[in-house]
PDB file of all heavy atoms in Angstrom:
ATOM      1  N   SER A   1      26.973 -92.992 -77.498  1.00  0.00           N
ATOM      2  CA  SER A   1      26.499 -91.776 -78.162  1.00  0.00           C
ATOM      3  C   SER A   1      25.505 -92.092 -79.281  1.00  0.00           C
ATOM      4  O   SER A   1      24.643 -91.265 -79.605  1.00  0.00           O
ATOM      5  CB  SER A   1      27.676 -90.983 -78.727  1.00  0.00           C
ATOM      6  OG  SER A   1      28.545 -90.563 -77.701  1.00  0.00           O
ATOM      7  N   SER A   2      25.607 -93.281 -79.867  1.00  0.00           N
ATOM      8  CA  SER A   2      24.682 -93.661 -80.933  1.00  0.00           C
ATOM      9  C   SER A   2      23.338 -94.126 -80.400  1.00  0.00           C
ATOM     10  O   SER A   2      22.453 -94.472 -81.186  1.00  0.00           O
ATOM     11  CB  SER A   2      25.303 -94.770 -81.785  1.00  0.00           C
ATOM     12  OG  SER A   2      25.507 -95.939 -81.019  1.00  0.00           O
ATOM     13  N   GLY A   3      23.176 -94.140 -79.080  1.00  0.00           N
ATOM     14  CA  GLY A   3      21.889 -94.499 -78.484  1.00  0.00           C
ATOM     15  C   GLY A   3      21.809 -95.907 -77.944  1.00  0.00           C
ATOM     16  O   GLY A   3      20.745 -96.321 -77.450  1.00  0.00           O
ATOM     17  N   LEU A   4      22.889 -96.676 -78.019  1.00  0.00           N
ATOM     18  CA  LEU A   4      22.877 -98.041 -77.526  1.00  0.00           C
ATOM     19  C   LEU A   4      22.924 -98.037 -76.002  1.00  0.00           C
ATOM     20  O   LEU A   4      23.736 -97.308 -75.410  1.00  0.00           O
ATOM     21  CB  LEU A   4      24.078 -98.803 -78.080  1.00  0.00           C
ATOM     22  CG  LEU A   4      24.030-100.335 -78.033  1.00  0.00           C
ATOM     23  CD1 LEU A   4      22.935-100.850 -78.952  1.00  0.00           C
ATOM     24  CD2 LEU A   4      25.382-100.912 -78.448  1.00  0.00           C
ATOM     25  N   PRO A   5      22.068 -98.806 -75.328  1.00  0.00           N
ATOM     26  CA  PRO A   5      22.134 -98.869 -73.855  1.00  0.00           C
ATOM     27  C   PRO A   5      23.506 -99.348 -73.384  1.00  0.00           C
ATOM     28  O   PRO A   5      24.202-100.097 -74.090  1.00  0.00           O
ATOM     29  CB  PRO A   5      21.035 -99.875 -73.493  1.00  0.00           C
ATOM     30  CG  PRO A   5      20.099 -99.862 -74.661  1.00  0.00           C
ATOM     31  CD  PRO A   5      20.948 -99.598 -75.861  1.00  0.00           C
ATOM     32  N   LEU A   6      23.901 -98.901 -72.190  1.00  0.00           N
ATOM     33  CA  LEU A   6      25.229 -99.206 -71.680  1.00  0.00           C
ATOM     34  C   LEU A   6      25.466-100.709 -71.584  1.00  0.00           C
ATOM     35  O   LEU A   6      26.546-101.197 -71.924  1.00  0.00           O
ATOM     36  CB  LEU A   6      25.410 -98.548 -70.305  1.00  0.00           C
ATOM     37  CG  LEU A   6      26.754 -98.788 -69.610  1.00  0.00           C
ATOM     38  CD1 LEU A   6      27.902 -98.246 -70.454  1.00  0.00           C
ATOM     39  CD2 LEU A   6      26.761 -98.147 -68.222  1.00  0.00           C
ATOM     40  N   GLU A   7      24.447-101.452 -71.129  1.00  0.00           N
ATOM     41  CA  GLU A   7      24.622-102.903 -70.984  1.00  0.00           C
ATOM     42  C   GLU A   7      24.913-103.564 -72.329  1.00  0.00           C
ATOM     43  O   GLU A   7      25.799-104.415 -72.445  1.00  0.00           O
ATOM     44  CB  GLU A   7      23.365-103.537 -70.357  1.00  0.00           C
ATOM     45  CG  GLU A   7      23.095-103.119 -68.930  1.00  0.00           C
ATOM     46  CD  GLU A   7      22.380-101.773 -68.846  1.00  0.00           C
ATOM     47  OE1 GLU A   7      22.140-101.160 -69.918  1.00  0.00           O
ATOM     48  OE2 GLU A   7      22.075-101.331 -67.728  1.00  0.00           O
ATOM     49  N   ARG A   8      24.177-103.158 -73.371  1.00  0.00           N
ATOM     50  CA  ARG A   8      24.399-103.741 -74.699  1.00  0.00           C
ATOM     51  C   ARG A   8      25.741-103.290 -75.273  1.00  0.00           C
ATOM     52  O   ARG A   8      26.417-104.055 -75.976  1.00  0.00           O
ATOM     53  CB  ARG A   8      23.263-103.352 -75.638  1.00  0.00           C
ATOM     54  CG  ARG A   8      21.925-104.000 -75.289  1.00  0.00           C
ATOM     55  CD  ARG A   8      20.857-103.616 -76.283  1.00  0.00           C
ATOM     56  NE  ARG A   8      21.223-104.038 -77.643  1.00  0.00           N
ATOM     57  CZ  ARG A   8      20.513-103.712 -78.726  1.00  0.00           C
ATOM     58  NH1 ARG A   8      19.430-102.963 -78.608  1.00  0.00           N
ATOM     59  NH2 ARG A   8      20.908-104.122 -79.918  1.00  0.00           N
ATOM     60  N   ALA A   9      26.147-102.050 -74.970  1.00  0.00           N
ATOM     61  CA  ALA A   9      27.455-101.579 -75.435  1.00  0.00           C
ATOM     62  C   ALA A   9      28.577-102.394 -74.800  1.00  0.00           C
ATOM     63  O   ALA A   9      29.531-102.789 -75.485  1.00  0.00           O
ATOM     64  CB  ALA A   9      27.616-100.097 -75.093  1.00  0.00           C
ATOM     65  N   LEU A  10      28.464-102.666 -73.502  1.00  0.00           N
ATOM     66  CA  LEU A  10      29.477-103.481 -72.823  1.00  0.00           C
ATOM     67  C   LEU A  10      29.471-104.910 -73.357  1.00  0.00           C
ATOM     68  O   LEU A  10      30.525-105.544 -73.487  1.00  0.00           O
ATOM     69  CB  LEU A  10      29.226-103.470 -71.319  1.00  0.00           C
ATOM     70  CG  LEU A  10      29.471-102.133 -70.614  1.00  0.00           C
ATOM     71  CD1 LEU A  10      29.038-102.208 -69.151  1.00  0.00           C
ATOM     72  CD2 LEU A  10      30.934-101.726 -70.706  1.00  0.00           C
ATOM     73  N   THR A  11      28.286-105.423 -73.669  1.00  0.00           N
ATOM     74  CA  THR A  11      28.203-106.774 -74.235  1.00  0.00           C
ATOM     75  C   THR A  11      28.916-106.838 -75.574  1.00  0.00           C
ATOM     76  O   THR A  11      29.674-107.775 -75.861  1.00  0.00           O
ATOM     77  CB  THR A  11      26.730-107.177 -74.411  1.00  0.00           C
ATOM     78  OG1 THR A  11      26.083-107.155 -73.139  1.00  0.00           O
ATOM     79  CG2 THR A  11      26.626-108.578 -74.998  1.00  0.00           C
ATOM     80  N   ALA A  12      28.702-105.819 -76.398  1.00  0.00           N
ATOM     81  CA  ALA A  12      29.356-105.787 -77.713  1.00  0.00           C
ATOM     82  C   ALA A  12      30.868-105.712 -77.577  1.00  0.00           C
ATOM     83  O   ALA A  12      31.609-106.407 -78.285  1.00  0.00           O
ATOM     84  CB  ALA A  12      28.826-104.602 -78.520  1.00  0.00           C
ATOM     85  N   LEU A  13      31.341-104.872 -76.659  1.00  0.00           N
ATOM     86  CA  LEU A  13      32.789-104.742 -76.471  1.00  0.00           C
ATOM     87  C   LEU A  13      33.387-106.014 -75.895  1.00  0.00           C
ATOM     88  O   LEU A  13      34.513-106.385 -76.226  1.00  0.00           O
ATOM     89  CB  LEU A  13      33.084-103.556 -75.553  1.00  0.00           C
ATOM     90  CG  LEU A  13      32.788-102.174 -76.138  1.00  0.00           C
ATOM     91  CD1 LEU A  13      33.067-101.087 -75.108  1.00  0.00           C
ATOM     92  CD2 LEU A  13      33.609-101.927 -77.390  1.00  0.00           C
ATOM     93  N   SER A  14      32.642-106.689 -75.028  1.00  0.00           N
ATOM     94  CA  SER A  14      33.132-107.950 -74.463  1.00  0.00           C
ATOM     95  C   SER A  14      33.236-109.027 -75.535  1.00  0.00           C
ATOM     96  O   SER A  14      34.204-109.785 -75.583  1.00  0.00           O
ATOM     97  CB  SER A  14      32.205-108.408 -73.333  1.00  0.00           C
ATOM     98  OG  SER A  14      32.592-109.671 -72.842  1.00  0.00           O
ATOM     99  N   ASP A  15      32.236-109.080 -76.417  1.00  0.00           N
ATOM    100  CA  ASP A  15      32.247-110.094 -77.473  1.00  0.00           C
ATOM    101  C   ASP A  15      33.323-109.836 -78.519  1.00  0.00           C
ATOM    102  O   ASP A  15      33.875-110.782 -79.096  1.00  0.00           O
ATOM    103  CB  ASP A  15      30.869-110.147 -78.154  1.00  0.00           C
ATOM    104  CG  ASP A  15      29.780-110.640 -77.207  1.00  0.00           C
ATOM    105  OD1 ASP A  15      30.128-111.284 -76.202  1.00  0.00           O
ATOM    106  OD2 ASP A  15      28.589-110.359 -77.467  1.00  0.00           O
ATOM    107  N   GLU A  16      33.618-108.549 -78.769  1.00  0.00           N
ATOM    108  CA  GLU A  16      34.576-108.202 -79.820  1.00  0.00           C
ATOM    109  C   GLU A  16      36.012-108.110 -79.325  1.00  0.00           C
ATOM    110  O   GLU A  16      36.927-107.902 -80.122  1.00  0.00           O
ATOM    111  CB  GLU A  16      34.181-106.860 -80.454  1.00  0.00           C
ATOM    112  CG  GLU A  16      32.853-106.898 -81.194  1.00  0.00           C
ATOM    113  CD  GLU A  16      32.880-107.863 -82.361  1.00  0.00           C
ATOM    114  OE1 GLU A  16      33.930-107.977 -83.019  1.00  0.00           O
ATOM    115  OE2 GLU A  16      31.842-108.514 -82.612  1.00  0.00           O
ATOM    116  N   ALA A  17      36.232-108.232 -78.020  1.00  0.00           N
ATOM    117  CA  ALA A  17      37.577-108.085 -77.464  1.00  0.00           C
ATOM    118  C   ALA A  17      38.479-109.216 -77.945  1.00  0.00           C
ATOM    119  O   ALA A  17      38.093-110.394 -77.922  1.00  0.00           O
ATOM    120  CB  ALA A  17      37.522-108.061 -75.941  1.00  0.00           C
ATOM    121  N   ASP A  18      39.679-108.856 -78.391  1.00  0.00           N
ATOM    122  CA  ASP A  18      40.649-109.860 -78.844  1.00  0.00           C
ATOM    123  C   ASP A  18      41.340-110.538 -77.669  1.00  0.00           C
ATOM    124  O   ASP A  18      41.671-111.722 -77.731  1.00  0.00           O
ATOM    125  CB  ASP A  18      41.703-109.208 -79.748  1.00  0.00           C
ATOM    126  CG  ASP A  18      41.093-108.668 -81.033  1.00  0.00           C
ATOM    127  OD1 ASP A  18      40.106-109.263 -81.507  1.00  0.00           O
ATOM    128  OD2 ASP A  18      41.603-107.656 -81.556  1.00  0.00           O
ATOM    129  N   ASP A  19      41.568-109.778 -76.605  1.00  0.00           N
ATOM    130  CA  ASP A  19      42.249-110.296 -75.426  1.00  0.00           C
ATOM    131  C   ASP A  19      41.229-110.940 -74.485  1.00  0.00           C
ATOM    132  O   ASP A  19      40.200-110.336 -74.146  1.00  0.00           O
ATOM    133  CB  ASP A  19      42.982-109.157 -74.715  1.00  0.00           C
ATOM    134  CG  ASP A  19      43.823-109.644 -73.535  1.00  0.00           C
ATOM    135  OD1 ASP A  19      43.944-110.874 -73.383  1.00  0.00           O
ATOM    136  OD2 ASP A  19      44.337-108.807 -72.789  1.00  0.00           O
ATOM    137  N   GLU A  20      41.497-112.169 -74.060  1.00  0.00           N
ATOM    138  CA  GLU A  20      40.570-112.873 -73.177  1.00  0.00           C
ATOM    139  C   GLU A  20      40.421-112.160 -71.839  1.00  0.00           C
ATOM    140  O   GLU A  20      39.323-112.085 -71.284  1.00  0.00           O
ATOM    141  CB  GLU A  20      41.053-114.311 -72.963  1.00  0.00           C
ATOM    142  CG  GLU A  20      40.088-115.159 -72.139  1.00  0.00           C
ATOM    143  CD  GLU A  20      40.569-116.588 -71.975  1.00  0.00           C
ATOM    144  OE1 GLU A  20      41.668-116.904 -72.493  1.00  0.00           O
ATOM    145  OE2 GLU A  20      39.862-117.375 -71.327  1.00  0.00           O
ATOM    146  N   ARG A  21      41.524-111.624 -71.304  1.00  0.00           N
ATOM    147  CA  ARG A  21      41.454-110.911 -70.027  1.00  0.00           C
ATOM    148  C   ARG A  21      40.591-109.657 -70.159  1.00  0.00           C
ATOM    149  O   ARG A  21      39.828-109.316 -69.246  1.00  0.00           O
ATOM    150  CB  ARG A  21      42.855-110.537 -69.556  1.00  0.00           C
ATOM    151  CG  ARG A  21      43.727-111.760 -69.234  1.00  0.00           C
ATOM    152  CD  ARG A  21      45.169-111.358 -68.983  1.00  0.00           C
ATOM    153  NE  ARG A  21      45.265-110.520 -67.801  1.00  0.00           N
ATOM    154  CZ  ARG A  21      45.974-109.408 -67.732  1.00  0.00           C
ATOM    155  NH1 ARG A  21      46.618-108.967 -68.795  1.00  0.00           N
ATOM    156  NH2 ARG A  21      46.039-108.715 -66.619  1.00  0.00           N
ATOM    157  N   GLN A  22      40.698-108.965 -71.279  1.00  0.00           N
ATOM    158  CA  GLN A  22      39.870-107.785 -71.495  1.00  0.00           C
ATOM    159  C   GLN A  22      38.397-108.175 -71.606  1.00  0.00           C
ATOM    160  O   GLN A  22      37.524-107.484 -71.074  1.00  0.00           O
ATOM    161  CB  GLN A  22      40.326-107.058 -72.758  1.00  0.00           C
ATOM    162  CG  GLN A  22      39.545-105.788 -73.059  1.00  0.00           C
ATOM    163  CD  GLN A  22      40.077-105.058 -74.272  1.00  0.00           C
ATOM    164  OE1 GLN A  22      41.259-105.124 -74.563  1.00  0.00           O
ATOM    165  NE2 GLN A  22      39.203-104.363 -74.993  1.00  0.00           N
ATOM    166  N   SER A  23      38.133-109.278 -72.299  1.00  0.00           N
ATOM    167  CA  SER A  23      36.757-109.753 -72.423  1.00  0.00           C
ATOM    168  C   SER A  23      36.165-110.076 -71.063  1.00  0.00           C
ATOM    169  O   SER A  23      35.016-109.733 -70.764  1.00  0.00           O
ATOM    170  CB  SER A  23      36.711-110.978 -73.334  1.00  0.00           C
ATOM    171  OG  SER A  23      35.406-111.501 -73.420  1.00  0.00           O
ATOM    172  N   HIS A  24      36.947-110.724 -70.206  1.00  0.00           N
ATOM    173  CA  HIS A  24      36.472-111.067 -68.867  1.00  0.00           C
ATOM    174  C   HIS A  24      36.236-109.814 -68.024  1.00  0.00           C
ATOM    175  O   HIS A  24      35.259-109.743 -67.267  1.00  0.00           O
ATOM    176  CB  HIS A  24      37.482-111.980 -68.179  1.00  0.00           C
ATOM    177  CG  HIS A  24      37.483-113.374 -68.721  1.00  0.00           C
ATOM    178  ND1 HIS A  24      38.273-114.383 -68.206  1.00  0.00           N
ATOM    179  CD2 HIS A  24      36.797-113.941 -69.742  1.00  0.00           C
ATOM    180  CE1 HIS A  24      38.068-115.490 -68.880  1.00  0.00           C
ATOM    181  NE2 HIS A  24      37.186-115.250 -69.818  1.00  0.00           N
ATOM    182  N   LEU A  25      37.125-108.840 -68.149  1.00  0.00           N
ATOM    183  CA  LEU A  25      36.976-107.609 -67.377  1.00  0.00           C
ATOM    184  C   LEU A  25      35.703-106.871 -67.771  1.00  0.00           C
ATOM    185  O   LEU A  25      34.927-106.429 -66.913  1.00  0.00           O
ATOM    186  CB  LEU A  25      38.198-106.712 -67.587  1.00  0.00           C
ATOM    187  CG  LEU A  25      38.127-105.311 -66.966  1.00  0.00           C
ATOM    188  CD1 LEU A  25      37.985-105.401 -65.459  1.00  0.00           C
ATOM    189  CD2 LEU A  25      39.352-104.488 -67.337  1.00  0.00           C
ATOM    190  N   VAL A  26      35.464-106.737 -69.075  1.00  0.00           N
ATOM    191  CA  VAL A  26      34.270-106.033 -69.538  1.00  0.00           C
ATOM    192  C   VAL A  26      33.010-106.809 -69.154  1.00  0.00           C
ATOM    193  O   VAL A  26      31.977-106.221 -68.808  1.00  0.00           O
ATOM    194  CB  VAL A  26      34.336-105.801 -71.059  1.00  0.00           C
ATOM    195  CG1 VAL A  26      33.091-105.085 -71.555  1.00  0.00           C
ATOM    196  CG2 VAL A  26      35.573-104.986 -71.416  1.00  0.00           C
ATOM    197  N   ALA A  27      33.093-108.148 -69.181  1.00  0.00           N
ATOM    198  CA  ALA A  27      31.953-108.955 -68.753  1.00  0.00           C
ATOM    199  C   ALA A  27      31.661-108.736 -67.269  1.00  0.00           C
ATOM    200  O   ALA A  27      30.498-108.690 -66.852  1.00  0.00           O
ATOM    201  CB  ALA A  27      32.230-110.428 -69.029  1.00  0.00           C
ATOM    202  N   ALA A  28      32.715-108.599 -66.470  1.00  0.00           N
ATOM    203  CA  ALA A  28      32.517-108.323 -65.044  1.00  0.00           C
ATOM    204  C   ALA A  28      31.873-106.957 -64.837  1.00  0.00           C
ATOM    205  O   ALA A  28      30.989-106.796 -63.979  1.00  0.00           O
ATOM    206  CB  ALA A  28      33.857-108.399 -64.314  1.00  0.00           C
ATOM    207  N   LEU A  29      32.295-105.972 -65.631  1.00  0.00           N
ATOM    208  CA  LEU A  29      31.665-104.648 -65.552  1.00  0.00           C
ATOM    209  C   LEU A  29      30.182-104.727 -65.913  1.00  0.00           C
ATOM    210  O   LEU A  29      29.326-104.141 -65.245  1.00  0.00           O
ATOM    211  CB  LEU A  29      32.384-103.677 -66.493  1.00  0.00           C
ATOM    212  CG  LEU A  29      33.822-103.287 -66.138  1.00  0.00           C
ATOM    213  CD1 LEU A  29      34.418-102.429 -67.252  1.00  0.00           C
ATOM    214  CD2 LEU A  29      33.881-102.541 -64.823  1.00  0.00           C
ATOM    215  N   ARG A  30      29.887-105.464 -66.970  1.00  0.00           N
ATOM    216  CA  ARG A  30      28.493-105.602 -67.401  1.00  0.00           C
ATOM    217  C   ARG A  30      27.665-106.304 -66.327  1.00  0.00           C
ATOM    218  O   ARG A  30      26.522-105.906 -66.058  1.00  0.00           O
ATOM    219  CB  ARG A  30      28.448-106.399 -68.700  1.00  0.00           C
ATOM    220  CG  ARG A  30      27.035-106.572 -69.279  1.00  0.00           C
ATOM    221  CD  ARG A  30      27.061-107.578 -70.405  1.00  0.00           C
ATOM    222  NE  ARG A  30      27.488-108.881 -69.917  1.00  0.00           N
ATOM    223  CZ  ARG A  30      27.884-109.879 -70.710  1.00  0.00           C
ATOM    224  NH1 ARG A  30      27.958-109.700 -72.016  1.00  0.00           N
ATOM    225  NH2 ARG A  30      28.253-111.037 -70.196  1.00  0.00           N
ATOM    226  N   ALA A  31      28.242-107.324 -65.696  1.00  0.00           N
ATOM    227  CA  ALA A  31      27.509-108.036 -64.644  1.00  0.00           C
ATOM    228  C   ALA A  31      27.200-107.120 -63.468  1.00  0.00           C
ATOM    229  O   ALA A  31      26.096-107.155 -62.900  1.00  0.00           O
ATOM    230  CB  ALA A  31      28.320-109.247 -64.181  1.00  0.00           C
ATOM    231  N   GLU A  32      28.161-106.284 -63.092  1.00  0.00           N
ATOM    232  CA  GLU A  32      27.940-105.370 -61.968  1.00  0.00           C
ATOM    233  C   GLU A  32      26.895-104.311 -62.312  1.00  0.00           C
ATOM    234  O   GLU A  32      26.081-103.922 -61.472  1.00  0.00           O
ATOM    235  CB  GLU A  32      29.263-104.727 -61.570  1.00  0.00           C
ATOM    236  CG  GLU A  32      30.250-105.712 -60.948  1.00  0.00           C
ATOM    237  CD  GLU A  32      31.657-105.159 -60.833  1.00  0.00           C
ATOM    238  OE1 GLU A  32      31.820-103.944 -61.031  1.00  0.00           O
ATOM    239  OE2 GLU A  32      32.575-105.950 -60.565  1.00  0.00           O
ATOM    240  N   VAL A  33      26.909-103.834 -63.572  1.00  0.00           N
ATOM    241  CA  VAL A  33      25.898-102.860 -63.996  1.00  0.00           C
ATOM    242  C   VAL A  33      24.518-103.504 -64.025  1.00  0.00           C
ATOM    243  O   VAL A  33      23.518-102.908 -63.595  1.00  0.00           O
ATOM    244  CB  VAL A  33      26.276-102.269 -65.374  1.00  0.00           C
ATOM    245  CG1 VAL A  33      25.132-101.423 -65.933  1.00  0.00           C
ATOM    246  CG2 VAL A  33      27.543-101.430 -65.260  1.00  0.00           C
ATOM    247  N   ASN A  34      24.434-104.724 -64.528  1.00  0.00           N
ATOM    248  CA  ASN A  34      23.152-105.432 -64.559  1.00  0.00           C
ATOM    249  C   ASN A  34      22.616-105.705 -63.165  1.00  0.00           C
ATOM    250  O   ASN A  34      21.403-105.812 -62.961  1.00  0.00           O
ATOM    251  CB  ASN A  34      23.289-106.750 -65.325  1.00  0.00           C
ATOM    252  CG  ASN A  34      23.402-106.539 -66.820  1.00  0.00           C
ATOM    253  OD1 ASN A  34      23.001-105.495 -67.340  1.00  0.00           O
ATOM    254  ND2 ASN A  34      23.959-107.516 -67.523  1.00  0.00           N
ATOM    255  N   ALA A  35      23.532-105.835 -62.192  1.00  0.00           N
ATOM    256  CA  ALA A  35      23.115-106.090 -60.811  1.00  0.00           C
ATOM    257  C   ALA A  35      22.611-104.828 -60.107  1.00  0.00           C
ATOM    258  O   ALA A  35      22.205-104.896 -58.950  1.00  0.00           O
ATOM    259  CB  ALA A  35      24.273-106.694 -60.031  1.00  0.00           C
ATOM    260  N   GLY A  36      22.648-103.683 -60.806  1.00  0.00           N
ATOM    261  CA  GLY A  36      22.127-102.457 -60.227  1.00  0.00           C
ATOM    262  C   GLY A  36      23.172-101.425 -59.858  1.00  0.00           C
ATOM    263  O   GLY A  36      22.821-100.334 -59.405  1.00  0.00           O
ATOM    264  N   SER A  37      24.436-101.744 -60.041  1.00  0.00           N
ATOM    265  CA  SER A  37      25.500-100.797 -59.704  1.00  0.00           C
ATOM    266  C   SER A  37      25.614 -99.732 -60.787  1.00  0.00           C
ATOM    267  O   SER A  37      25.309 -99.981 -61.962  1.00  0.00           O
ATOM    268  CB  SER A  37      26.828-101.538 -59.552  1.00  0.00           C
ATOM    269  OG  SER A  37      27.899-100.641 -59.368  1.00  0.00           O
ATOM    270  N   THR A  38      26.040 -98.544 -60.400  1.00  0.00           N
ATOM    271  CA  THR A  38      26.332 -97.523 -61.399  1.00  0.00           C
ATOM    272  C   THR A  38      27.610 -97.897 -62.137  1.00  0.00           C
ATOM    273  O   THR A  38      28.441 -98.659 -61.628  1.00  0.00           O
ATOM    274  CB  THR A  38      26.500 -96.148 -60.746  1.00  0.00           C
ATOM    275  OG1 THR A  38      27.640 -96.185 -59.861  1.00  0.00           O
ATOM    276  CG2 THR A  38      25.266 -95.755 -59.967  1.00  0.00           C
ATOM    277  N   PHE A  39      27.758 -97.359 -63.332  1.00  0.00           N
ATOM    278  CA  PHE A  39      28.938 -97.674 -64.130  1.00  0.00           C
ATOM    279  C   PHE A  39      30.209 -97.179 -63.439  1.00  0.00           C
ATOM    280  O   PHE A  39      31.235 -97.870 -63.429  1.00  0.00           O
ATOM    281  CB  PHE A  39      28.795 -97.051 -65.515  1.00  0.00           C
ATOM    282  CG  PHE A  39      29.864 -97.470 -66.484  1.00  0.00           C
ATOM    283  CD1 PHE A  39      30.373 -98.757 -66.483  1.00  0.00           C
ATOM    284  CD2 PHE A  39      30.365 -96.569 -67.418  1.00  0.00           C
ATOM    285  CE1 PHE A  39      31.357 -99.146 -67.385  1.00  0.00           C
ATOM    286  CE2 PHE A  39      31.346 -96.941 -68.318  1.00  0.00           C
ATOM    287  CZ  PHE A  39      31.841 -98.233 -68.301  1.00  0.00           C
TER     288      PHE A  39
END
């Protein structure tokens, strides 16, 4: 909502995640979005 692109928002959430499994999951989501998939 603040105007940050979805890819950068997912990157921020992945970097700030305390749980390693959550970080990996968000990174996988970001990779799929970067590959052209819809969110």
